[in-house]
Amino acid sequence: MLPRAKEIVDAAGVKMQDAVDFLEEDLRNYRVGKATPAIFNGVTVDYYGTATPLNQVASITTPDAKTIAIQPWERNMISKIEKAILDANVGLTPSNNGEIIRCVVPALTEERRRELIKKAKAQGETTKVTVRNARRDGIDLLKKAQKNEGLSEDGEKEGEEELQKVTDKYVKNVDAIISAKEKEILTV
């Protein structure tokens, strides 16, 4: 493959990988009945007037599979952390003993499992659209390169074929990620 065509295909591949990485990160935040500190990734606490991520004002641990313990580094932050967890609407109710905040992760209902699977599949479809858009943009760049930069017609066709192979690989990857997440959600 010619250097310009390879450059375009590689750039599209990077965009596709970014979309898949975003999907994986987003799916980590799904609460699937197991305690994981990732549940609190989007929670921010008012720390002396500044919105600060929860993991920067407290240590978050999982003493067992159903419990998350949050140990604030400053005692006066307990009520602010509890309020932030409730405001974030992560589906957990915090309780504290004056030093540690505990959140018990309830078992998922069948309805909630179906909701999560539906949401994961929708996110997967959105990611596939992003991957296909990256392919389309790459094809447009290949056609422009043929027209304006002297890329041969064979080079352009070869680039399109390679771009399709890369796209297929990432679409399969998204399907595998969604399938694995669905299996995880259904595991009781």
C-alpha atoms as a PDB file:
ATOM      1  CA  MET A   1       0.000   0.000   0.000  1.00  0.00           C
ATOM      2  CA  LEU A   2       1.256   3.485  -0.819  1.00  0.00           C
ATOM      3  CA  PRO A   3       2.478   5.681   2.071  1.00  0.00           C
ATOM      4  CA  ARG A   4      -0.337   8.267   1.756  1.00  0.00           C
ATOM      5  CA  ALA A   5      -3.045   5.589   1.647  1.00  0.00           C
ATOM      6  CA  LYS A   6      -1.464   3.795   4.638  1.00  0.00           C
ATOM      7  CA  GLU A   7      -1.378   7.090   6.546  1.00  0.00           C
ATOM      8  CA  ILE A   8      -5.115   7.642   5.921  1.00  0.00           C
ATOM      9  CA  VAL A   9      -6.009   4.050   6.915  1.00  0.00           C
ATOM     10  CA  ASP A  10      -3.891   4.301  10.084  1.00  0.00           C
ATOM     11  CA  ALA A  11      -5.550   7.600  11.085  1.00  0.00           C
ATOM     12  CA  ALA A  12      -9.002   6.036  10.628  1.00  0.00           C
ATOM     13  CA  GLY A  13      -7.843   3.025  12.688  1.00  0.00           C
ATOM     14  CA  VAL A  14      -6.842   5.333  15.537  1.00  0.00           C
ATOM     15  CA  LYS A  15     -10.306   6.963  15.512  1.00  0.00           C
ATOM     16  CA  MET A  16     -11.916   3.508  15.570  1.00  0.00           C
ATOM     17  CA  GLN A  17      -9.726   2.379  18.475  1.00  0.00           C
ATOM     18  CA  ASP A  18     -10.635   5.527  20.405  1.00  0.00           C
ATOM     19  CA  ALA A  19     -14.346   4.728  19.935  1.00  0.00           C
ATOM     20  CA  VAL A  20     -13.833   1.163  21.219  1.00  0.00           C
ATOM     21  CA  ASP A  21     -11.786   2.422  24.192  1.00  0.00           C
ATOM     22  CA  PHE A  22     -14.579   4.853  25.074  1.00  0.00           C
ATOM     23  CA  LEU A  23     -17.126   2.015  24.900  1.00  0.00           C
ATOM     24  CA  GLU A  24     -15.050  -0.164  27.237  1.00  0.00           C
ATOM     25  CA  GLU A  25     -14.639   2.688  29.724  1.00  0.00           C
ATOM     26  CA  ASP A  26     -18.357   3.467  29.618  1.00  0.00           C
ATOM     27  CA  LEU A  27     -19.328  -0.177  30.198  1.00  0.00           C
ATOM     28  CA  ARG A  28     -17.058  -0.356  33.256  1.00  0.00           C
ATOM     29  CA  ASN A  29     -19.380   2.116  34.972  1.00  0.00           C
ATOM     30  CA  TYR A  30     -22.379  -0.213  34.687  1.00  0.00           C
ATOM     31  CA  ARG A  31     -23.360  -1.559  38.083  1.00  0.00           C
ATOM     32  CA  VAL A  32     -23.825  -5.288  37.606  1.00  0.00           C
ATOM     33  CA  GLY A  33     -24.429  -6.478  41.165  1.00  0.00           C
ATOM     34  CA  LYS A  34     -20.748  -6.614  42.079  1.00  0.00           C
ATOM     35  CA  ALA A  35     -18.990  -3.998  44.137  1.00  0.00           C
ATOM     36  CA  THR A  36     -16.460  -2.045  42.080  1.00  0.00           C
ATOM     37  CA  PRO A  37     -14.918   1.372  42.754  1.00  0.00           C
ATOM     38  CA  ALA A  38     -15.588   2.270  39.085  1.00  0.00           C
ATOM     39  CA  ILE A  39     -19.230   2.908  40.045  1.00  0.00           C
ATOM     40  CA  PHE A  40     -18.044   6.220  41.520  1.00  0.00           C
ATOM     41  CA  ASN A  41     -15.976   7.387  38.500  1.00  0.00           C
ATOM     42  CA  GLY A  42     -18.482  10.115  37.655  1.00  0.00           C
ATOM     43  CA  VAL A  43     -19.101  11.271  41.240  1.00  0.00           C
ATOM     44  CA  THR A  44     -17.728  14.694  42.198  1.00  0.00           C
ATOM     45  CA  VAL A  45     -17.623  16.155  45.695  1.00  0.00           C
ATOM     46  CA  ASP A  46     -17.672  19.824  46.718  1.00  0.00           C
ATOM     47  CA  TYR A  47     -14.169  20.097  48.174  1.00  0.00           C
ATOM     48  CA  TYR A  48     -13.739  23.638  49.535  1.00  0.00           C
ATOM     49  CA  GLY A  49     -15.747  25.122  46.675  1.00  0.00           C
ATOM     50  CA  THR A  50     -14.215  22.978  43.909  1.00  0.00           C
ATOM     51  CA  ALA A  51     -15.929  20.017  42.229  1.00  0.00           C
ATOM     52  CA  THR A  52     -13.406  17.233  42.860  1.00  0.00           C
ATOM     53  CA  PRO A  53     -13.624  13.554  41.821  1.00  0.00           C
ATOM     54  CA  LEU A  54     -14.523  11.323  44.774  1.00  0.00           C
ATOM     55  CA  ASN A  55     -11.360   9.228  44.409  1.00  0.00           C
ATOM     56  CA  GLN A  56      -9.288  12.385  45.062  1.00  0.00           C
ATOM     57  CA  VAL A  57     -10.836  13.081  48.486  1.00  0.00           C
ATOM     58  CA  ALA A  58     -11.180   9.515  49.778  1.00  0.00           C
ATOM     59  CA  SER A  59      -9.888   5.999  49.294  1.00  0.00           C
ATOM     60  CA  ILE A  60     -12.431   3.622  47.771  1.00  0.00           C
ATOM     61  CA  THR A  61     -12.108  -0.097  48.479  1.00  0.00           C
ATOM     62  CA  THR A  62     -14.207  -3.240  48.142  1.00  0.00           C
ATOM     63  CA  PRO A  63     -13.894  -5.308  51.332  1.00  0.00           C
ATOM     64  CA  ASP A  64     -16.196  -7.958  49.830  1.00  0.00           C
ATOM     65  CA  ALA A  65     -18.181  -8.618  46.652  1.00  0.00           C
ATOM     66  CA  LYS A  66     -21.246  -6.652  47.790  1.00  0.00           C
ATOM     67  CA  THR A  67     -19.766  -3.749  49.780  1.00  0.00           C
ATOM     68  CA  ILE A  68     -17.867  -0.600  48.848  1.00  0.00           C
ATOM     69  CA  ALA A  69     -16.045   1.252  51.643  1.00  0.00           C
ATOM     70  CA  ILE A  70     -15.158   4.920  51.270  1.00  0.00           C
ATOM     71  CA  GLN A  71     -12.608   6.309  53.718  1.00  0.00           C
ATOM     72  CA  PRO A  72     -12.485  10.135  53.479  1.00  0.00           C
ATOM     73  CA  TRP A  73      -9.079  11.682  54.091  1.00  0.00           C
ATOM     74  CA  GLU A  74     -10.783  14.410  56.123  1.00  0.00           C
ATOM     75  CA  ARG A  75     -13.580  13.555  58.580  1.00  0.00           C
ATOM     76  CA  ASN A  76     -15.543  16.717  57.820  1.00  0.00           C
ATOM     77  CA  MET A  77     -16.029  15.441  54.230  1.00  0.00           C
ATOM     78  CA  ILE A  78     -18.321  12.528  55.226  1.00  0.00           C
ATOM     79  CA  SER A  79     -21.600  14.408  54.830  1.00  0.00           C
ATOM     80  CA  LYS A  80     -20.471  16.044  51.565  1.00  0.00           C
ATOM     81  CA  ILE A  81     -19.456  12.652  50.141  1.00  0.00           C
ATOM     82  CA  GLU A  82     -22.785  11.088  51.142  1.00  0.00           C
ATOM     83  CA  LYS A  83     -24.645  13.982  49.501  1.00  0.00           C
ATOM     84  CA  ALA A  84     -22.529  13.646  46.332  1.00  0.00           C
ATOM     85  CA  ILE A  85     -23.270   9.895  46.096  1.00  0.00           C
ATOM     86  CA  LEU A  86     -27.011  10.496  46.491  1.00  0.00           C
ATOM     87  CA  ASP A  87     -26.952  13.378  43.973  1.00  0.00           C
ATOM     88  CA  ALA A  88     -25.025  11.278  41.432  1.00  0.00           C
ATOM     89  CA  ASN A  89     -27.913   8.797  41.361  1.00  0.00           C
ATOM     90  CA  VAL A  90     -25.692   5.700  41.083  1.00  0.00           C
ATOM     91  CA  GLY A  91     -28.362   3.562  42.727  1.00  0.00           C
ATOM     92  CA  LEU A  92     -26.559   3.154  46.065  1.00  0.00           C
ATOM     93  CA  THR A  93     -27.491   4.429  49.513  1.00  0.00           C
ATOM     94  CA  PRO A  94     -24.517   5.428  51.667  1.00  0.00           C
ATOM     95  CA  SER A  95     -24.353   4.874  55.431  1.00  0.00           C
ATOM     96  CA  ASN A  96     -21.546   5.876  57.760  1.00  0.00           C
ATOM     97  CA  ASN A  97     -20.206   5.082  61.217  1.00  0.00           C
ATOM     98  CA  GLY A  98     -18.470   8.432  61.679  1.00  0.00           C
ATOM     99  CA  GLU A  99     -15.259   7.320  59.941  1.00  0.00           C
ATOM    100  CA  ILE A 100     -16.135   5.146  56.962  1.00  0.00           C
ATOM    101  CA  ILE A 101     -18.984   5.359  54.466  1.00  0.00           C
ATOM    102  CA  ARG A 102     -20.316   1.990  53.320  1.00  0.00           C
ATOM    103  CA  CYS A 103     -22.461   1.306  50.281  1.00  0.00           C
ATOM    104  CA  VAL A 104     -24.046  -2.111  49.909  1.00  0.00           C
ATOM    105  CA  VAL A 105     -24.542  -3.103  46.279  1.00  0.00           C
ATOM    106  CA  PRO A 106     -27.975  -4.729  45.983  1.00  0.00           C
ATOM    107  CA  ALA A 107     -28.533  -7.742  43.748  1.00  0.00           C
ATOM    108  CA  LEU A 108     -29.880  -6.811  40.337  1.00  0.00           C
ATOM    109  CA  THR A 109     -33.493  -7.506  39.520  1.00  0.00           C
ATOM    110  CA  GLU A 110     -34.334  -9.260  36.260  1.00  0.00           C
ATOM    111  CA  GLU A 111     -35.861  -6.014  34.967  1.00  0.00           C
ATOM    112  CA  ARG A 112     -32.711  -4.019  35.773  1.00  0.00           C
ATOM    113  CA  ARG A 113     -30.554  -6.656  34.049  1.00  0.00           C
ATOM    114  CA  ARG A 114     -32.656  -6.329  30.887  1.00  0.00           C
ATOM    115  CA  GLU A 115     -32.380  -2.525  31.089  1.00  0.00           C
ATOM    116  CA  LEU A 116     -28.591  -2.707  31.410  1.00  0.00           C
ATOM    117  CA  ILE A 117     -28.300  -5.117  28.478  1.00  0.00           C
ATOM    118  CA  LYS A 118     -30.486  -2.861  26.344  1.00  0.00           C
ATOM    119  CA  LYS A 119     -28.377   0.161  27.303  1.00  0.00           C
ATOM    120  CA  ALA A 120     -25.115  -1.719  26.577  1.00  0.00           C
ATOM    121  CA  LYS A 121     -26.372  -2.830  23.157  1.00  0.00           C
ATOM    122  CA  ALA A 122     -27.432   0.743  22.329  1.00  0.00           C
ATOM    123  CA  GLN A 123     -23.977   1.978  23.337  1.00  0.00           C
ATOM    124  CA  GLY A 124     -22.442  -0.737  21.149  1.00  0.00           C
ATOM    125  CA  GLU A 125     -24.520   0.377  18.152  1.00  0.00           C
ATOM    126  CA  THR A 126     -23.444   3.985  18.729  1.00  0.00           C
ATOM    127  CA  THR A 127     -19.821   2.844  18.758  1.00  0.00           C
ATOM    128  CA  LYS A 128     -20.322   0.909  15.496  1.00  0.00           C
ATOM    129  CA  VAL A 129     -21.752   4.070  13.896  1.00  0.00           C
ATOM    130  CA  THR A 130     -18.654   5.973  15.044  1.00  0.00           C
ATOM    131  CA  VAL A 131     -16.415   3.266  13.552  1.00  0.00           C
ATOM    132  CA  ARG A 132     -18.307   3.376  10.248  1.00  0.00           C
ATOM    133  CA  ASN A 133     -18.112   7.177  10.201  1.00  0.00           C
ATOM    134  CA  ALA A 134     -14.334   6.910  10.588  1.00  0.00           C
ATOM    135  CA  ARG A 135     -14.327   4.520   7.590  1.00  0.00           C
ATOM    136  CA  ARG A 136     -16.423   6.946   5.536  1.00  0.00           C
ATOM    137  CA  ASP A 137     -14.112   9.847   6.420  1.00  0.00           C
ATOM    138  CA  GLY A 138     -11.118   7.702   5.458  1.00  0.00           C
ATOM    139  CA  ILE A 139     -12.679   6.833   2.081  1.00  0.00           C
ATOM    140  CA  ASP A 140     -13.386  10.524   1.452  1.00  0.00           C
ATOM    141  CA  LEU A 141      -9.739  11.339   2.218  1.00  0.00           C
ATOM    142  CA  LEU A 142      -8.544   8.567  -0.110  1.00  0.00           C
ATOM    143  CA  LYS A 143     -10.712   9.954  -2.940  1.00  0.00           C
ATOM    144  CA  LYS A 144      -9.390  13.477  -2.322  1.00  0.00           C
ATOM    145  CA  ALA A 145      -5.832  12.134  -2.298  1.00  0.00           C
ATOM    146  CA  GLN A 146      -6.458  10.445  -5.651  1.00  0.00           C
ATOM    147  CA  LYS A 147      -7.952  13.616  -7.107  1.00  0.00           C
ATOM    148  CA  ASN A 148      -5.604  16.242  -5.630  1.00  0.00           C
ATOM    149  CA  GLU A 149      -2.406  14.502  -4.505  1.00  0.00           C
ATOM    150  CA  GLY A 150      -1.797  12.122  -7.378  1.00  0.00           C
ATOM    151  CA  LEU A 151      -2.656   8.893  -5.545  1.00  0.00           C
ATOM    152  CA  SER A 152      -3.195   6.197  -8.174  1.00  0.00           C
ATOM    153  CA  GLU A 153      -6.638   4.655  -8.677  1.00  0.00           C
ATOM    154  CA  ASP A 154      -5.208   1.268  -7.658  1.00  0.00           C
ATOM    155  CA  GLY A 155      -3.718   2.851  -4.528  1.00  0.00           C
ATOM    156  CA  GLU A 156      -7.079   4.352  -3.654  1.00  0.00           C
ATOM    157  CA  LYS A 157      -8.900   1.012  -4.180  1.00  0.00           C
ATOM    158  CA  GLU A 158      -6.262  -0.827  -2.144  1.00  0.00           C
ATOM    159  CA  GLY A 159      -6.652   1.755   0.637  1.00  0.00           C
ATOM    160  CA  GLU A 160     -10.442   1.318   0.608  1.00  0.00           C
ATOM    161  CA  GLU A 161     -10.092  -2.469   0.853  1.00  0.00           C
ATOM    162  CA  GLU A 162      -7.677  -2.159   3.768  1.00  0.00           C
ATOM    163  CA  LEU A 163      -9.994   0.368   5.437  1.00  0.00           C
ATOM    164  CA  GLN A 164     -12.889  -2.106   5.119  1.00  0.00           C
ATOM    165  CA  LYS A 165     -10.773  -4.862   6.749  1.00  0.00           C
ATOM    166  CA  VAL A 166      -9.906  -2.558   9.655  1.00  0.00           C
ATOM    167  CA  THR A 167     -13.573  -1.538  10.009  1.00  0.00           C
ATOM    168  CA  ASP A 168     -14.705  -5.180  10.057  1.00  0.00           C
ATOM    169  CA  LYS A 169     -12.116  -5.952  12.740  1.00  0.00           C
ATOM    170  CA  TYR A 170     -13.362  -3.140  15.003  1.00  0.00           C
ATOM    171  CA  VAL A 171     -17.049  -3.996  14.466  1.00  0.00           C
ATOM    172  CA  LYS A 172     -16.288  -7.598  15.487  1.00  0.00           C
ATOM    173  CA  ASN A 173     -14.400  -6.258  18.508  1.00  0.00           C
ATOM    174  CA  VAL A 174     -17.437  -4.168  19.553  1.00  0.00           C
ATOM    175  CA  ASP A 175     -19.714  -7.208  19.171  1.00  0.00           C
ATOM    176  CA  ALA A 176     -17.369  -9.271  21.363  1.00  0.00           C
ATOM    177  CA  ILE A 177     -17.230  -6.560  24.044  1.00  0.00           C
ATOM    178  CA  ILE A 178     -21.041  -6.235  24.134  1.00  0.00           C
ATOM    179  CA  SER A 179     -21.465 -10.012  24.213  1.00  0.00           C
ATOM    180  CA  ALA A 180     -19.039 -10.308  27.150  1.00  0.00           C
ATOM    181  CA  LYS A 181     -20.819  -7.498  29.010  1.00  0.00           C
ATOM    182  CA  GLU A 182     -24.203  -9.137  28.404  1.00  0.00           C
ATOM    183  CA  LYS A 183     -22.857 -12.403  29.811  1.00  0.00           C
ATOM    184  CA  GLU A 184     -21.473 -10.531  32.862  1.00  0.00           C
ATOM    185  CA  ILE A 185     -24.805  -8.790  33.472  1.00  0.00           C
ATOM    186  CA  LEU A 186     -26.742 -12.060  33.237  1.00  0.00           C
ATOM    187  CA  THR A 187     -24.401 -13.873  35.647  1.00  0.00           C
ATOM    188  CA  VAL A 188     -26.144 -13.996  39.025  1.00  0.00           C
END
